[in-house]
N, C-alpha and C. Protein backbone atom coordinates (compact mmCIF):
# COMPACT_ATOMS: atom_id res chain seq x y z
N MET A 1 1.96 34.85 35.12
CA MET A 1 2.32 35.26 33.77
C MET A 1 3.81 34.99 33.57
N ASP A 2 4.16 34.37 32.47
CA ASP A 2 5.56 34.05 32.23
C ASP A 2 6.33 35.27 31.71
N GLN A 3 7.64 35.12 31.65
CA GLN A 3 8.54 36.21 31.24
C GLN A 3 8.22 36.72 29.83
N TYR A 4 7.91 35.81 28.92
CA TYR A 4 7.63 36.18 27.52
C TYR A 4 6.42 37.11 27.44
N HIS A 5 5.31 36.71 28.07
CA HIS A 5 4.10 37.52 27.99
C HIS A 5 4.24 38.82 28.76
N SER A 6 4.99 38.81 29.85
CA SER A 6 5.25 40.03 30.59
C SER A 6 6.01 41.03 29.72
N THR A 7 6.99 40.54 28.98
CA THR A 7 7.75 41.39 28.07
C THR A 7 6.86 41.95 26.97
N LEU A 8 5.96 41.13 26.44
CA LEU A 8 5.05 41.59 25.39
C LEU A 8 4.16 42.72 25.88
N ILE A 9 3.67 42.60 27.10
CA ILE A 9 2.80 43.65 27.64
C ILE A 9 3.59 44.95 27.80
N LYS A 10 4.82 44.85 28.30
CA LYS A 10 5.66 46.05 28.42
C LYS A 10 5.93 46.65 27.05
N GLN A 11 6.19 45.80 26.06
CA GLN A 11 6.43 46.28 24.69
C GLN A 11 5.20 47.00 24.16
N GLN A 12 4.04 46.44 24.41
CA GLN A 12 2.81 47.04 23.88
C GLN A 12 2.58 48.41 24.49
N GLN A 13 2.90 48.56 25.77
CA GLN A 13 2.73 49.85 26.42
C GLN A 13 3.71 50.87 25.85
N ALA A 14 4.95 50.44 25.59
CA ALA A 14 5.96 51.36 25.08
C ALA A 14 5.80 51.63 23.59
N HIS A 15 5.54 50.57 22.83
CA HIS A 15 5.43 50.66 21.37
C HIS A 15 4.30 49.74 20.91
N PRO A 16 3.10 50.25 20.70
CA PRO A 16 1.98 49.39 20.33
C PRO A 16 2.23 48.55 19.08
N PHE A 17 2.97 49.09 18.10
CA PHE A 17 3.21 48.34 16.87
C PHE A 17 4.11 47.13 17.12
N THR A 18 5.13 47.28 17.98
CA THR A 18 6.08 46.21 18.23
C THR A 18 5.40 44.99 18.82
N ALA A 19 4.53 45.20 19.81
CA ALA A 19 3.85 44.07 20.44
C ALA A 19 3.02 43.32 19.41
N GLU A 20 2.39 44.05 18.52
CA GLU A 20 1.59 43.40 17.48
C GLU A 20 2.47 42.53 16.59
N ILE A 21 3.65 43.01 16.27
CA ILE A 21 4.55 42.24 15.42
C ILE A 21 4.98 40.96 16.12
N PHE A 22 5.31 41.06 17.42
CA PHE A 22 5.74 39.86 18.14
C PHE A 22 4.59 38.88 18.32
N LEU A 23 3.37 39.37 18.43
CA LEU A 23 2.23 38.48 18.59
C LEU A 23 1.82 37.81 17.29
N ASN A 24 2.13 38.43 16.17
CA ASN A 24 1.76 37.90 14.86
C ASN A 24 2.99 37.69 13.99
N PRO A 25 3.92 36.83 14.39
CA PRO A 25 5.11 36.64 13.58
C PRO A 25 4.77 35.94 12.28
N CYS A 26 5.69 35.98 11.35
CA CYS A 26 5.51 35.31 10.07
C CYS A 26 5.24 33.83 10.35
N SER A 27 4.07 33.37 10.03
CA SER A 27 3.66 32.01 10.39
C SER A 27 4.31 30.97 9.50
N LYS A 28 4.18 29.73 9.90
CA LYS A 28 4.73 28.64 9.11
C LYS A 28 4.04 28.54 7.75
N MET A 29 2.84 29.10 7.64
CA MET A 29 2.11 29.08 6.37
C MET A 29 2.76 30.02 5.35
N MET A 30 3.44 31.06 5.85
CA MET A 30 4.09 32.01 4.96
C MET A 30 5.46 31.48 4.58
N PRO A 31 5.85 31.60 3.32
CA PRO A 31 7.19 31.17 2.92
C PRO A 31 8.26 32.06 3.55
N GLN A 32 9.42 31.50 3.74
CA GLN A 32 10.53 32.21 4.37
C GLN A 32 11.26 33.07 3.35
N VAL A 33 11.56 34.31 3.74
CA VAL A 33 12.34 35.22 2.90
C VAL A 33 13.80 34.81 3.01
N LEU A 34 14.44 34.51 1.86
CA LEU A 34 15.86 34.14 1.87
C LEU A 34 16.75 35.36 2.07
N THR A 35 16.47 36.39 1.29
CA THR A 35 17.23 37.63 1.37
C THR A 35 16.37 38.74 0.76
N SER A 36 16.94 39.91 0.69
CA SER A 36 16.21 41.05 0.17
C SER A 36 17.23 42.06 -0.38
N PHE A 37 16.76 42.93 -1.26
CA PHE A 37 17.62 43.99 -1.79
C PHE A 37 16.75 45.11 -2.32
N ILE A 38 17.38 46.22 -2.67
CA ILE A 38 16.68 47.35 -3.30
C ILE A 38 16.96 47.29 -4.79
N SER A 39 15.90 47.26 -5.58
CA SER A 39 16.03 47.32 -7.03
C SER A 39 16.15 48.79 -7.43
N LEU A 40 16.98 49.07 -8.41
CA LEU A 40 17.11 50.44 -8.90
C LEU A 40 16.10 50.77 -9.98
N GLN A 41 15.64 49.75 -10.70
CA GLN A 41 14.65 49.96 -11.76
C GLN A 41 13.66 48.81 -11.77
N PRO A 42 12.49 48.94 -11.20
CA PRO A 42 11.97 50.11 -10.48
C PRO A 42 12.61 50.23 -9.10
N LEU A 43 12.61 51.44 -8.54
CA LEU A 43 13.20 51.70 -7.23
C LEU A 43 12.26 51.18 -6.15
N GLU A 44 12.47 49.91 -5.77
CA GLU A 44 11.59 49.25 -4.80
C GLU A 44 12.36 48.16 -4.05
N PRO A 45 11.92 47.86 -2.82
CA PRO A 45 12.48 46.70 -2.12
C PRO A 45 12.03 45.42 -2.81
N VAL A 46 12.89 44.42 -2.80
CA VAL A 46 12.59 43.13 -3.41
C VAL A 46 12.86 42.04 -2.38
N LEU A 47 11.89 41.15 -2.19
CA LEU A 47 12.06 39.99 -1.33
C LEU A 47 12.38 38.80 -2.22
N VAL A 48 13.35 37.99 -1.82
CA VAL A 48 13.77 36.83 -2.60
C VAL A 48 13.37 35.56 -1.85
N PHE A 49 12.69 34.66 -2.57
CA PHE A 49 12.24 33.40 -1.99
C PHE A 49 12.98 32.24 -2.65
N SER A 50 12.91 31.06 -2.04
CA SER A 50 13.68 29.92 -2.55
C SER A 50 13.10 29.34 -3.83
N THR A 51 11.80 29.44 -4.03
CA THR A 51 11.17 28.90 -5.24
C THR A 51 10.15 29.88 -5.79
N PRO A 52 9.81 29.77 -7.07
CA PRO A 52 8.73 30.59 -7.62
C PRO A 52 7.40 30.35 -6.90
N ASP A 53 7.15 29.11 -6.49
CA ASP A 53 5.90 28.80 -5.77
C ASP A 53 5.83 29.55 -4.44
N ASP A 54 6.97 29.64 -3.73
CA ASP A 54 6.99 30.39 -2.47
C ASP A 54 6.71 31.87 -2.72
N ALA A 55 7.27 32.42 -3.80
CA ALA A 55 7.02 33.82 -4.14
C ALA A 55 5.54 34.04 -4.44
N ILE A 56 4.93 33.13 -5.15
CA ILE A 56 3.50 33.24 -5.47
C ILE A 56 2.66 33.15 -4.20
N ARG A 57 3.00 32.19 -3.31
CA ARG A 57 2.26 32.05 -2.05
C ARG A 57 2.34 33.33 -1.22
N PHE A 58 3.53 33.94 -1.16
CA PHE A 58 3.68 35.19 -0.42
C PHE A 58 2.86 36.30 -1.08
N GLN A 59 2.97 36.41 -2.39
CA GLN A 59 2.27 37.48 -3.12
C GLN A 59 0.76 37.35 -2.99
N GLU A 60 0.25 36.14 -2.89
CA GLU A 60 -1.19 35.94 -2.71
C GLU A 60 -1.67 36.49 -1.37
N ARG A 61 -0.81 36.46 -0.35
CA ARG A 61 -1.18 36.96 0.98
C ARG A 61 -0.78 38.42 1.18
N CYS A 62 0.10 38.90 0.36
CA CYS A 62 0.63 40.26 0.47
C CYS A 62 0.33 40.96 -0.86
N ARG A 63 -0.88 41.44 -0.99
CA ARG A 63 -1.41 41.91 -2.29
C ARG A 63 -0.64 43.05 -2.92
N GLN A 64 0.06 43.87 -2.12
CA GLN A 64 0.80 44.97 -2.75
C GLN A 64 2.08 44.48 -3.41
N GLY A 65 2.48 43.23 -3.13
CA GLY A 65 3.66 42.66 -3.76
C GLY A 65 3.39 42.31 -5.21
N ARG A 66 4.43 42.45 -6.05
CA ARG A 66 4.28 42.16 -7.47
C ARG A 66 5.40 41.24 -7.93
N ILE A 67 5.06 40.28 -8.74
CA ILE A 67 6.05 39.46 -9.42
C ILE A 67 6.06 39.95 -10.86
N LEU A 68 7.17 40.54 -11.28
CA LEU A 68 7.24 41.14 -12.60
C LEU A 68 7.61 40.09 -13.65
N PRO A 69 6.92 40.10 -14.79
CA PRO A 69 7.15 39.07 -15.80
C PRO A 69 8.56 39.09 -16.41
N ASP A 70 9.19 40.27 -16.42
CA ASP A 70 10.53 40.36 -17.02
C ASP A 70 11.66 40.21 -16.00
N GLN A 71 11.31 39.81 -14.78
CA GLN A 71 12.29 39.60 -13.72
C GLN A 71 12.23 38.15 -13.24
N ARG A 72 13.11 37.77 -12.35
CA ARG A 72 13.11 36.40 -11.84
C ARG A 72 11.83 36.12 -11.08
N SER A 73 11.32 34.92 -11.25
CA SER A 73 10.02 34.57 -10.67
C SER A 73 10.09 34.31 -9.17
N ARG A 74 11.27 34.32 -8.58
CA ARG A 74 11.42 34.15 -7.13
C ARG A 74 11.44 35.50 -6.41
N TRP A 75 11.37 36.59 -7.17
CA TRP A 75 11.45 37.93 -6.61
C TRP A 75 10.06 38.54 -6.49
N VAL A 76 9.79 39.14 -5.33
CA VAL A 76 8.54 39.88 -5.13
C VAL A 76 8.90 41.34 -4.86
N PHE A 77 8.42 42.23 -5.72
CA PHE A 77 8.67 43.66 -5.60
C PHE A 77 7.60 44.29 -4.72
N LEU A 78 8.03 45.18 -3.83
CA LEU A 78 7.12 45.86 -2.90
C LEU A 78 7.16 47.36 -3.15
N PRO A 79 6.07 48.07 -2.85
CA PRO A 79 6.12 49.53 -2.96
C PRO A 79 7.16 50.11 -1.99
N MET A 80 7.75 51.22 -2.37
CA MET A 80 8.75 51.87 -1.50
C MET A 80 8.07 52.29 -0.20
N PRO A 81 8.56 51.82 0.94
CA PRO A 81 7.92 52.16 2.22
C PRO A 81 8.25 53.58 2.66
N ASP A 82 7.34 54.18 3.40
CA ASP A 82 7.55 55.51 3.96
C ASP A 82 8.68 55.46 4.98
N GLY A 83 9.50 56.49 4.98
CA GLY A 83 10.52 56.66 6.01
C GLY A 83 11.76 55.79 5.86
N LEU A 84 11.91 55.09 4.74
CA LEU A 84 13.09 54.23 4.55
C LEU A 84 14.33 55.11 4.36
N LEU A 85 15.34 54.88 5.19
CA LEU A 85 16.58 55.64 5.10
C LEU A 85 17.66 54.90 4.33
N ARG A 86 17.81 53.61 4.60
CA ARG A 86 18.86 52.83 3.94
C ARG A 86 18.56 51.35 4.05
N VAL A 87 19.22 50.59 3.19
CA VAL A 87 19.19 49.13 3.24
C VAL A 87 20.64 48.69 3.33
N ARG A 88 20.93 47.80 4.28
CA ARG A 88 22.31 47.41 4.51
C ARG A 88 22.39 45.95 4.91
N THR A 89 23.58 45.41 4.85
CA THR A 89 23.82 44.06 5.32
C THR A 89 24.00 44.10 6.83
N ALA A 90 23.37 43.16 7.52
CA ALA A 90 23.48 43.07 8.97
C ALA A 90 24.27 41.82 9.34
N ARG A 91 24.56 41.69 10.61
CA ARG A 91 25.27 40.51 11.10
C ARG A 91 24.50 39.25 10.76
N GLY A 92 25.20 38.19 10.47
CA GLY A 92 24.56 36.91 10.21
C GLY A 92 23.97 36.79 8.81
N GLY A 93 24.24 37.78 7.95
CA GLY A 93 23.74 37.71 6.59
C GLY A 93 22.35 38.28 6.38
N ASP A 94 21.70 38.76 7.44
CA ASP A 94 20.39 39.38 7.28
C ASP A 94 20.54 40.69 6.51
N VAL A 95 19.42 41.17 5.97
CA VAL A 95 19.37 42.47 5.34
C VAL A 95 18.59 43.38 6.28
N ALA A 96 19.15 44.54 6.58
CA ALA A 96 18.52 45.48 7.51
C ALA A 96 17.92 46.65 6.75
N TYR A 97 16.65 46.92 7.03
CA TYR A 97 15.96 48.09 6.49
C TYR A 97 15.87 49.10 7.63
N ASP A 98 16.60 50.21 7.51
CA ASP A 98 16.61 51.25 8.54
C ASP A 98 15.58 52.32 8.19
N PHE A 99 14.76 52.68 9.19
CA PHE A 99 13.70 53.67 9.00
C PHE A 99 13.93 54.87 9.91
N ASP A 100 13.24 55.97 9.60
CA ASP A 100 13.37 57.18 10.41
C ASP A 100 12.59 57.12 11.72
N SER A 101 11.69 56.14 11.87
CA SER A 101 10.92 56.02 13.10
C SER A 101 10.49 54.57 13.31
N HIS A 102 10.15 54.27 14.55
CA HIS A 102 9.65 52.93 14.86
C HIS A 102 8.33 52.68 14.12
N ARG A 103 7.50 53.72 14.05
CA ARG A 103 6.20 53.56 13.38
C ARG A 103 6.36 53.12 11.93
N HIS A 104 7.28 53.74 11.21
CA HIS A 104 7.49 53.35 9.81
C HIS A 104 8.05 51.94 9.70
N ALA A 105 8.96 51.57 10.60
CA ALA A 105 9.49 50.20 10.60
C ALA A 105 8.37 49.19 10.85
N ALA A 106 7.53 49.48 11.83
CA ALA A 106 6.42 48.58 12.17
C ALA A 106 5.42 48.48 11.03
N GLU A 107 5.13 49.60 10.36
CA GLU A 107 4.20 49.57 9.23
C GLU A 107 4.75 48.72 8.08
N PHE A 108 6.05 48.86 7.81
CA PHE A 108 6.66 48.04 6.76
C PHE A 108 6.58 46.56 7.12
N ASN A 109 6.93 46.22 8.36
CA ASN A 109 6.89 44.82 8.77
C ASN A 109 5.46 44.28 8.72
N ALA A 110 4.50 45.09 9.11
CA ALA A 110 3.10 44.66 9.02
C ALA A 110 2.69 44.44 7.56
N SER A 111 3.21 45.27 6.66
CA SER A 111 2.85 45.13 5.24
C SER A 111 3.40 43.84 4.63
N ILE A 112 4.45 43.29 5.24
CA ILE A 112 5.00 42.02 4.75
C ILE A 112 4.60 40.88 5.71
N LYS A 113 3.49 41.09 6.38
CA LYS A 113 2.87 40.07 7.24
C LYS A 113 3.78 39.61 8.38
N GLY A 114 4.58 40.53 8.90
CA GLY A 114 5.41 40.23 10.06
C GLY A 114 6.56 39.29 9.79
N CYS A 115 6.99 39.19 8.54
CA CYS A 115 8.09 38.27 8.21
C CYS A 115 9.46 38.81 8.62
N GLY A 116 9.53 40.08 8.96
CA GLY A 116 10.78 40.65 9.44
C GLY A 116 10.88 40.56 10.96
N LYS A 117 12.02 40.99 11.48
CA LYS A 117 12.24 41.03 12.92
C LYS A 117 12.55 42.46 13.32
N ILE A 118 11.90 42.92 14.39
CA ILE A 118 12.19 44.23 14.98
C ILE A 118 12.57 43.97 16.43
N PHE A 119 13.71 44.51 16.85
CA PHE A 119 14.17 44.31 18.22
C PHE A 119 13.89 45.54 19.06
N SER A 120 13.82 45.35 20.35
CA SER A 120 13.59 46.46 21.29
C SER A 120 14.84 47.32 21.42
N ASN A 121 14.63 48.57 21.78
CA ASN A 121 15.74 49.47 22.06
C ASN A 121 16.51 48.99 23.29
N THR A 122 17.78 49.33 23.33
CA THR A 122 18.62 49.09 24.50
C THR A 122 19.32 50.39 24.85
N ILE A 123 20.00 50.41 25.97
CA ILE A 123 20.75 51.61 26.35
C ILE A 123 21.83 51.88 25.31
N ASP A 124 22.50 50.82 24.85
CA ASP A 124 23.55 50.98 23.84
C ASP A 124 23.01 51.31 22.46
N LYS A 125 21.79 50.87 22.18
CA LYS A 125 21.19 51.06 20.85
C LYS A 125 19.79 51.67 21.01
N PRO A 126 19.72 52.98 21.23
CA PRO A 126 18.42 53.62 21.50
C PRO A 126 17.49 53.71 20.30
N THR A 127 17.98 53.40 19.10
CA THR A 127 17.12 53.43 17.91
C THR A 127 17.01 52.06 17.27
N PHE A 128 17.25 51.01 18.05
CA PHE A 128 17.22 49.63 17.55
C PHE A 128 15.86 49.27 16.97
N ASP A 129 14.79 49.86 17.51
CA ASP A 129 13.43 49.50 17.08
C ASP A 129 13.02 50.17 15.78
N ARG A 130 13.95 50.81 15.10
CA ARG A 130 13.67 51.45 13.82
C ARG A 130 14.17 50.64 12.64
N THR A 131 14.59 49.40 12.91
CA THR A 131 15.18 48.56 11.87
C THR A 131 14.40 47.27 11.74
N VAL A 132 14.12 46.87 10.50
CA VAL A 132 13.47 45.59 10.20
C VAL A 132 14.54 44.70 9.58
N TYR A 133 14.72 43.51 10.17
CA TYR A 133 15.71 42.55 9.68
C TYR A 133 15.01 41.44 8.89
N LEU A 134 15.52 41.16 7.71
CA LEU A 134 14.99 40.10 6.85
C LEU A 134 16.11 39.16 6.46
N GLY A 135 15.76 37.89 6.28
CA GLY A 135 16.73 36.92 5.80
C GLY A 135 17.01 35.84 6.81
């Protein structure tokens, strides 16, 4: 067994949701999220895609997403996820969604078909697995 699969098995034992995310990453069939932000009206996370067609392709696979007629057609609005604490800019220009638990972070990432990234905890960052990175 190679290092990658060994790590996945350890992840699955420690955090069942994390292993699932790593095994089912956002596929090449899914359009890439350029960036993301929180809309104030309506109060919801918004994923931004490069073209309206990419937004439609994502929304077709992610049924809870909505493209609002009075907003930009590259934006997909999502329901407010459980346990969301804050949205912030991360290193490298990514947008970080911080959650109160790993479970809530994993549920949010699963709801967007694994297009985000969740990293494992480290000694220096014991709550690293509570953040979903997009962008």
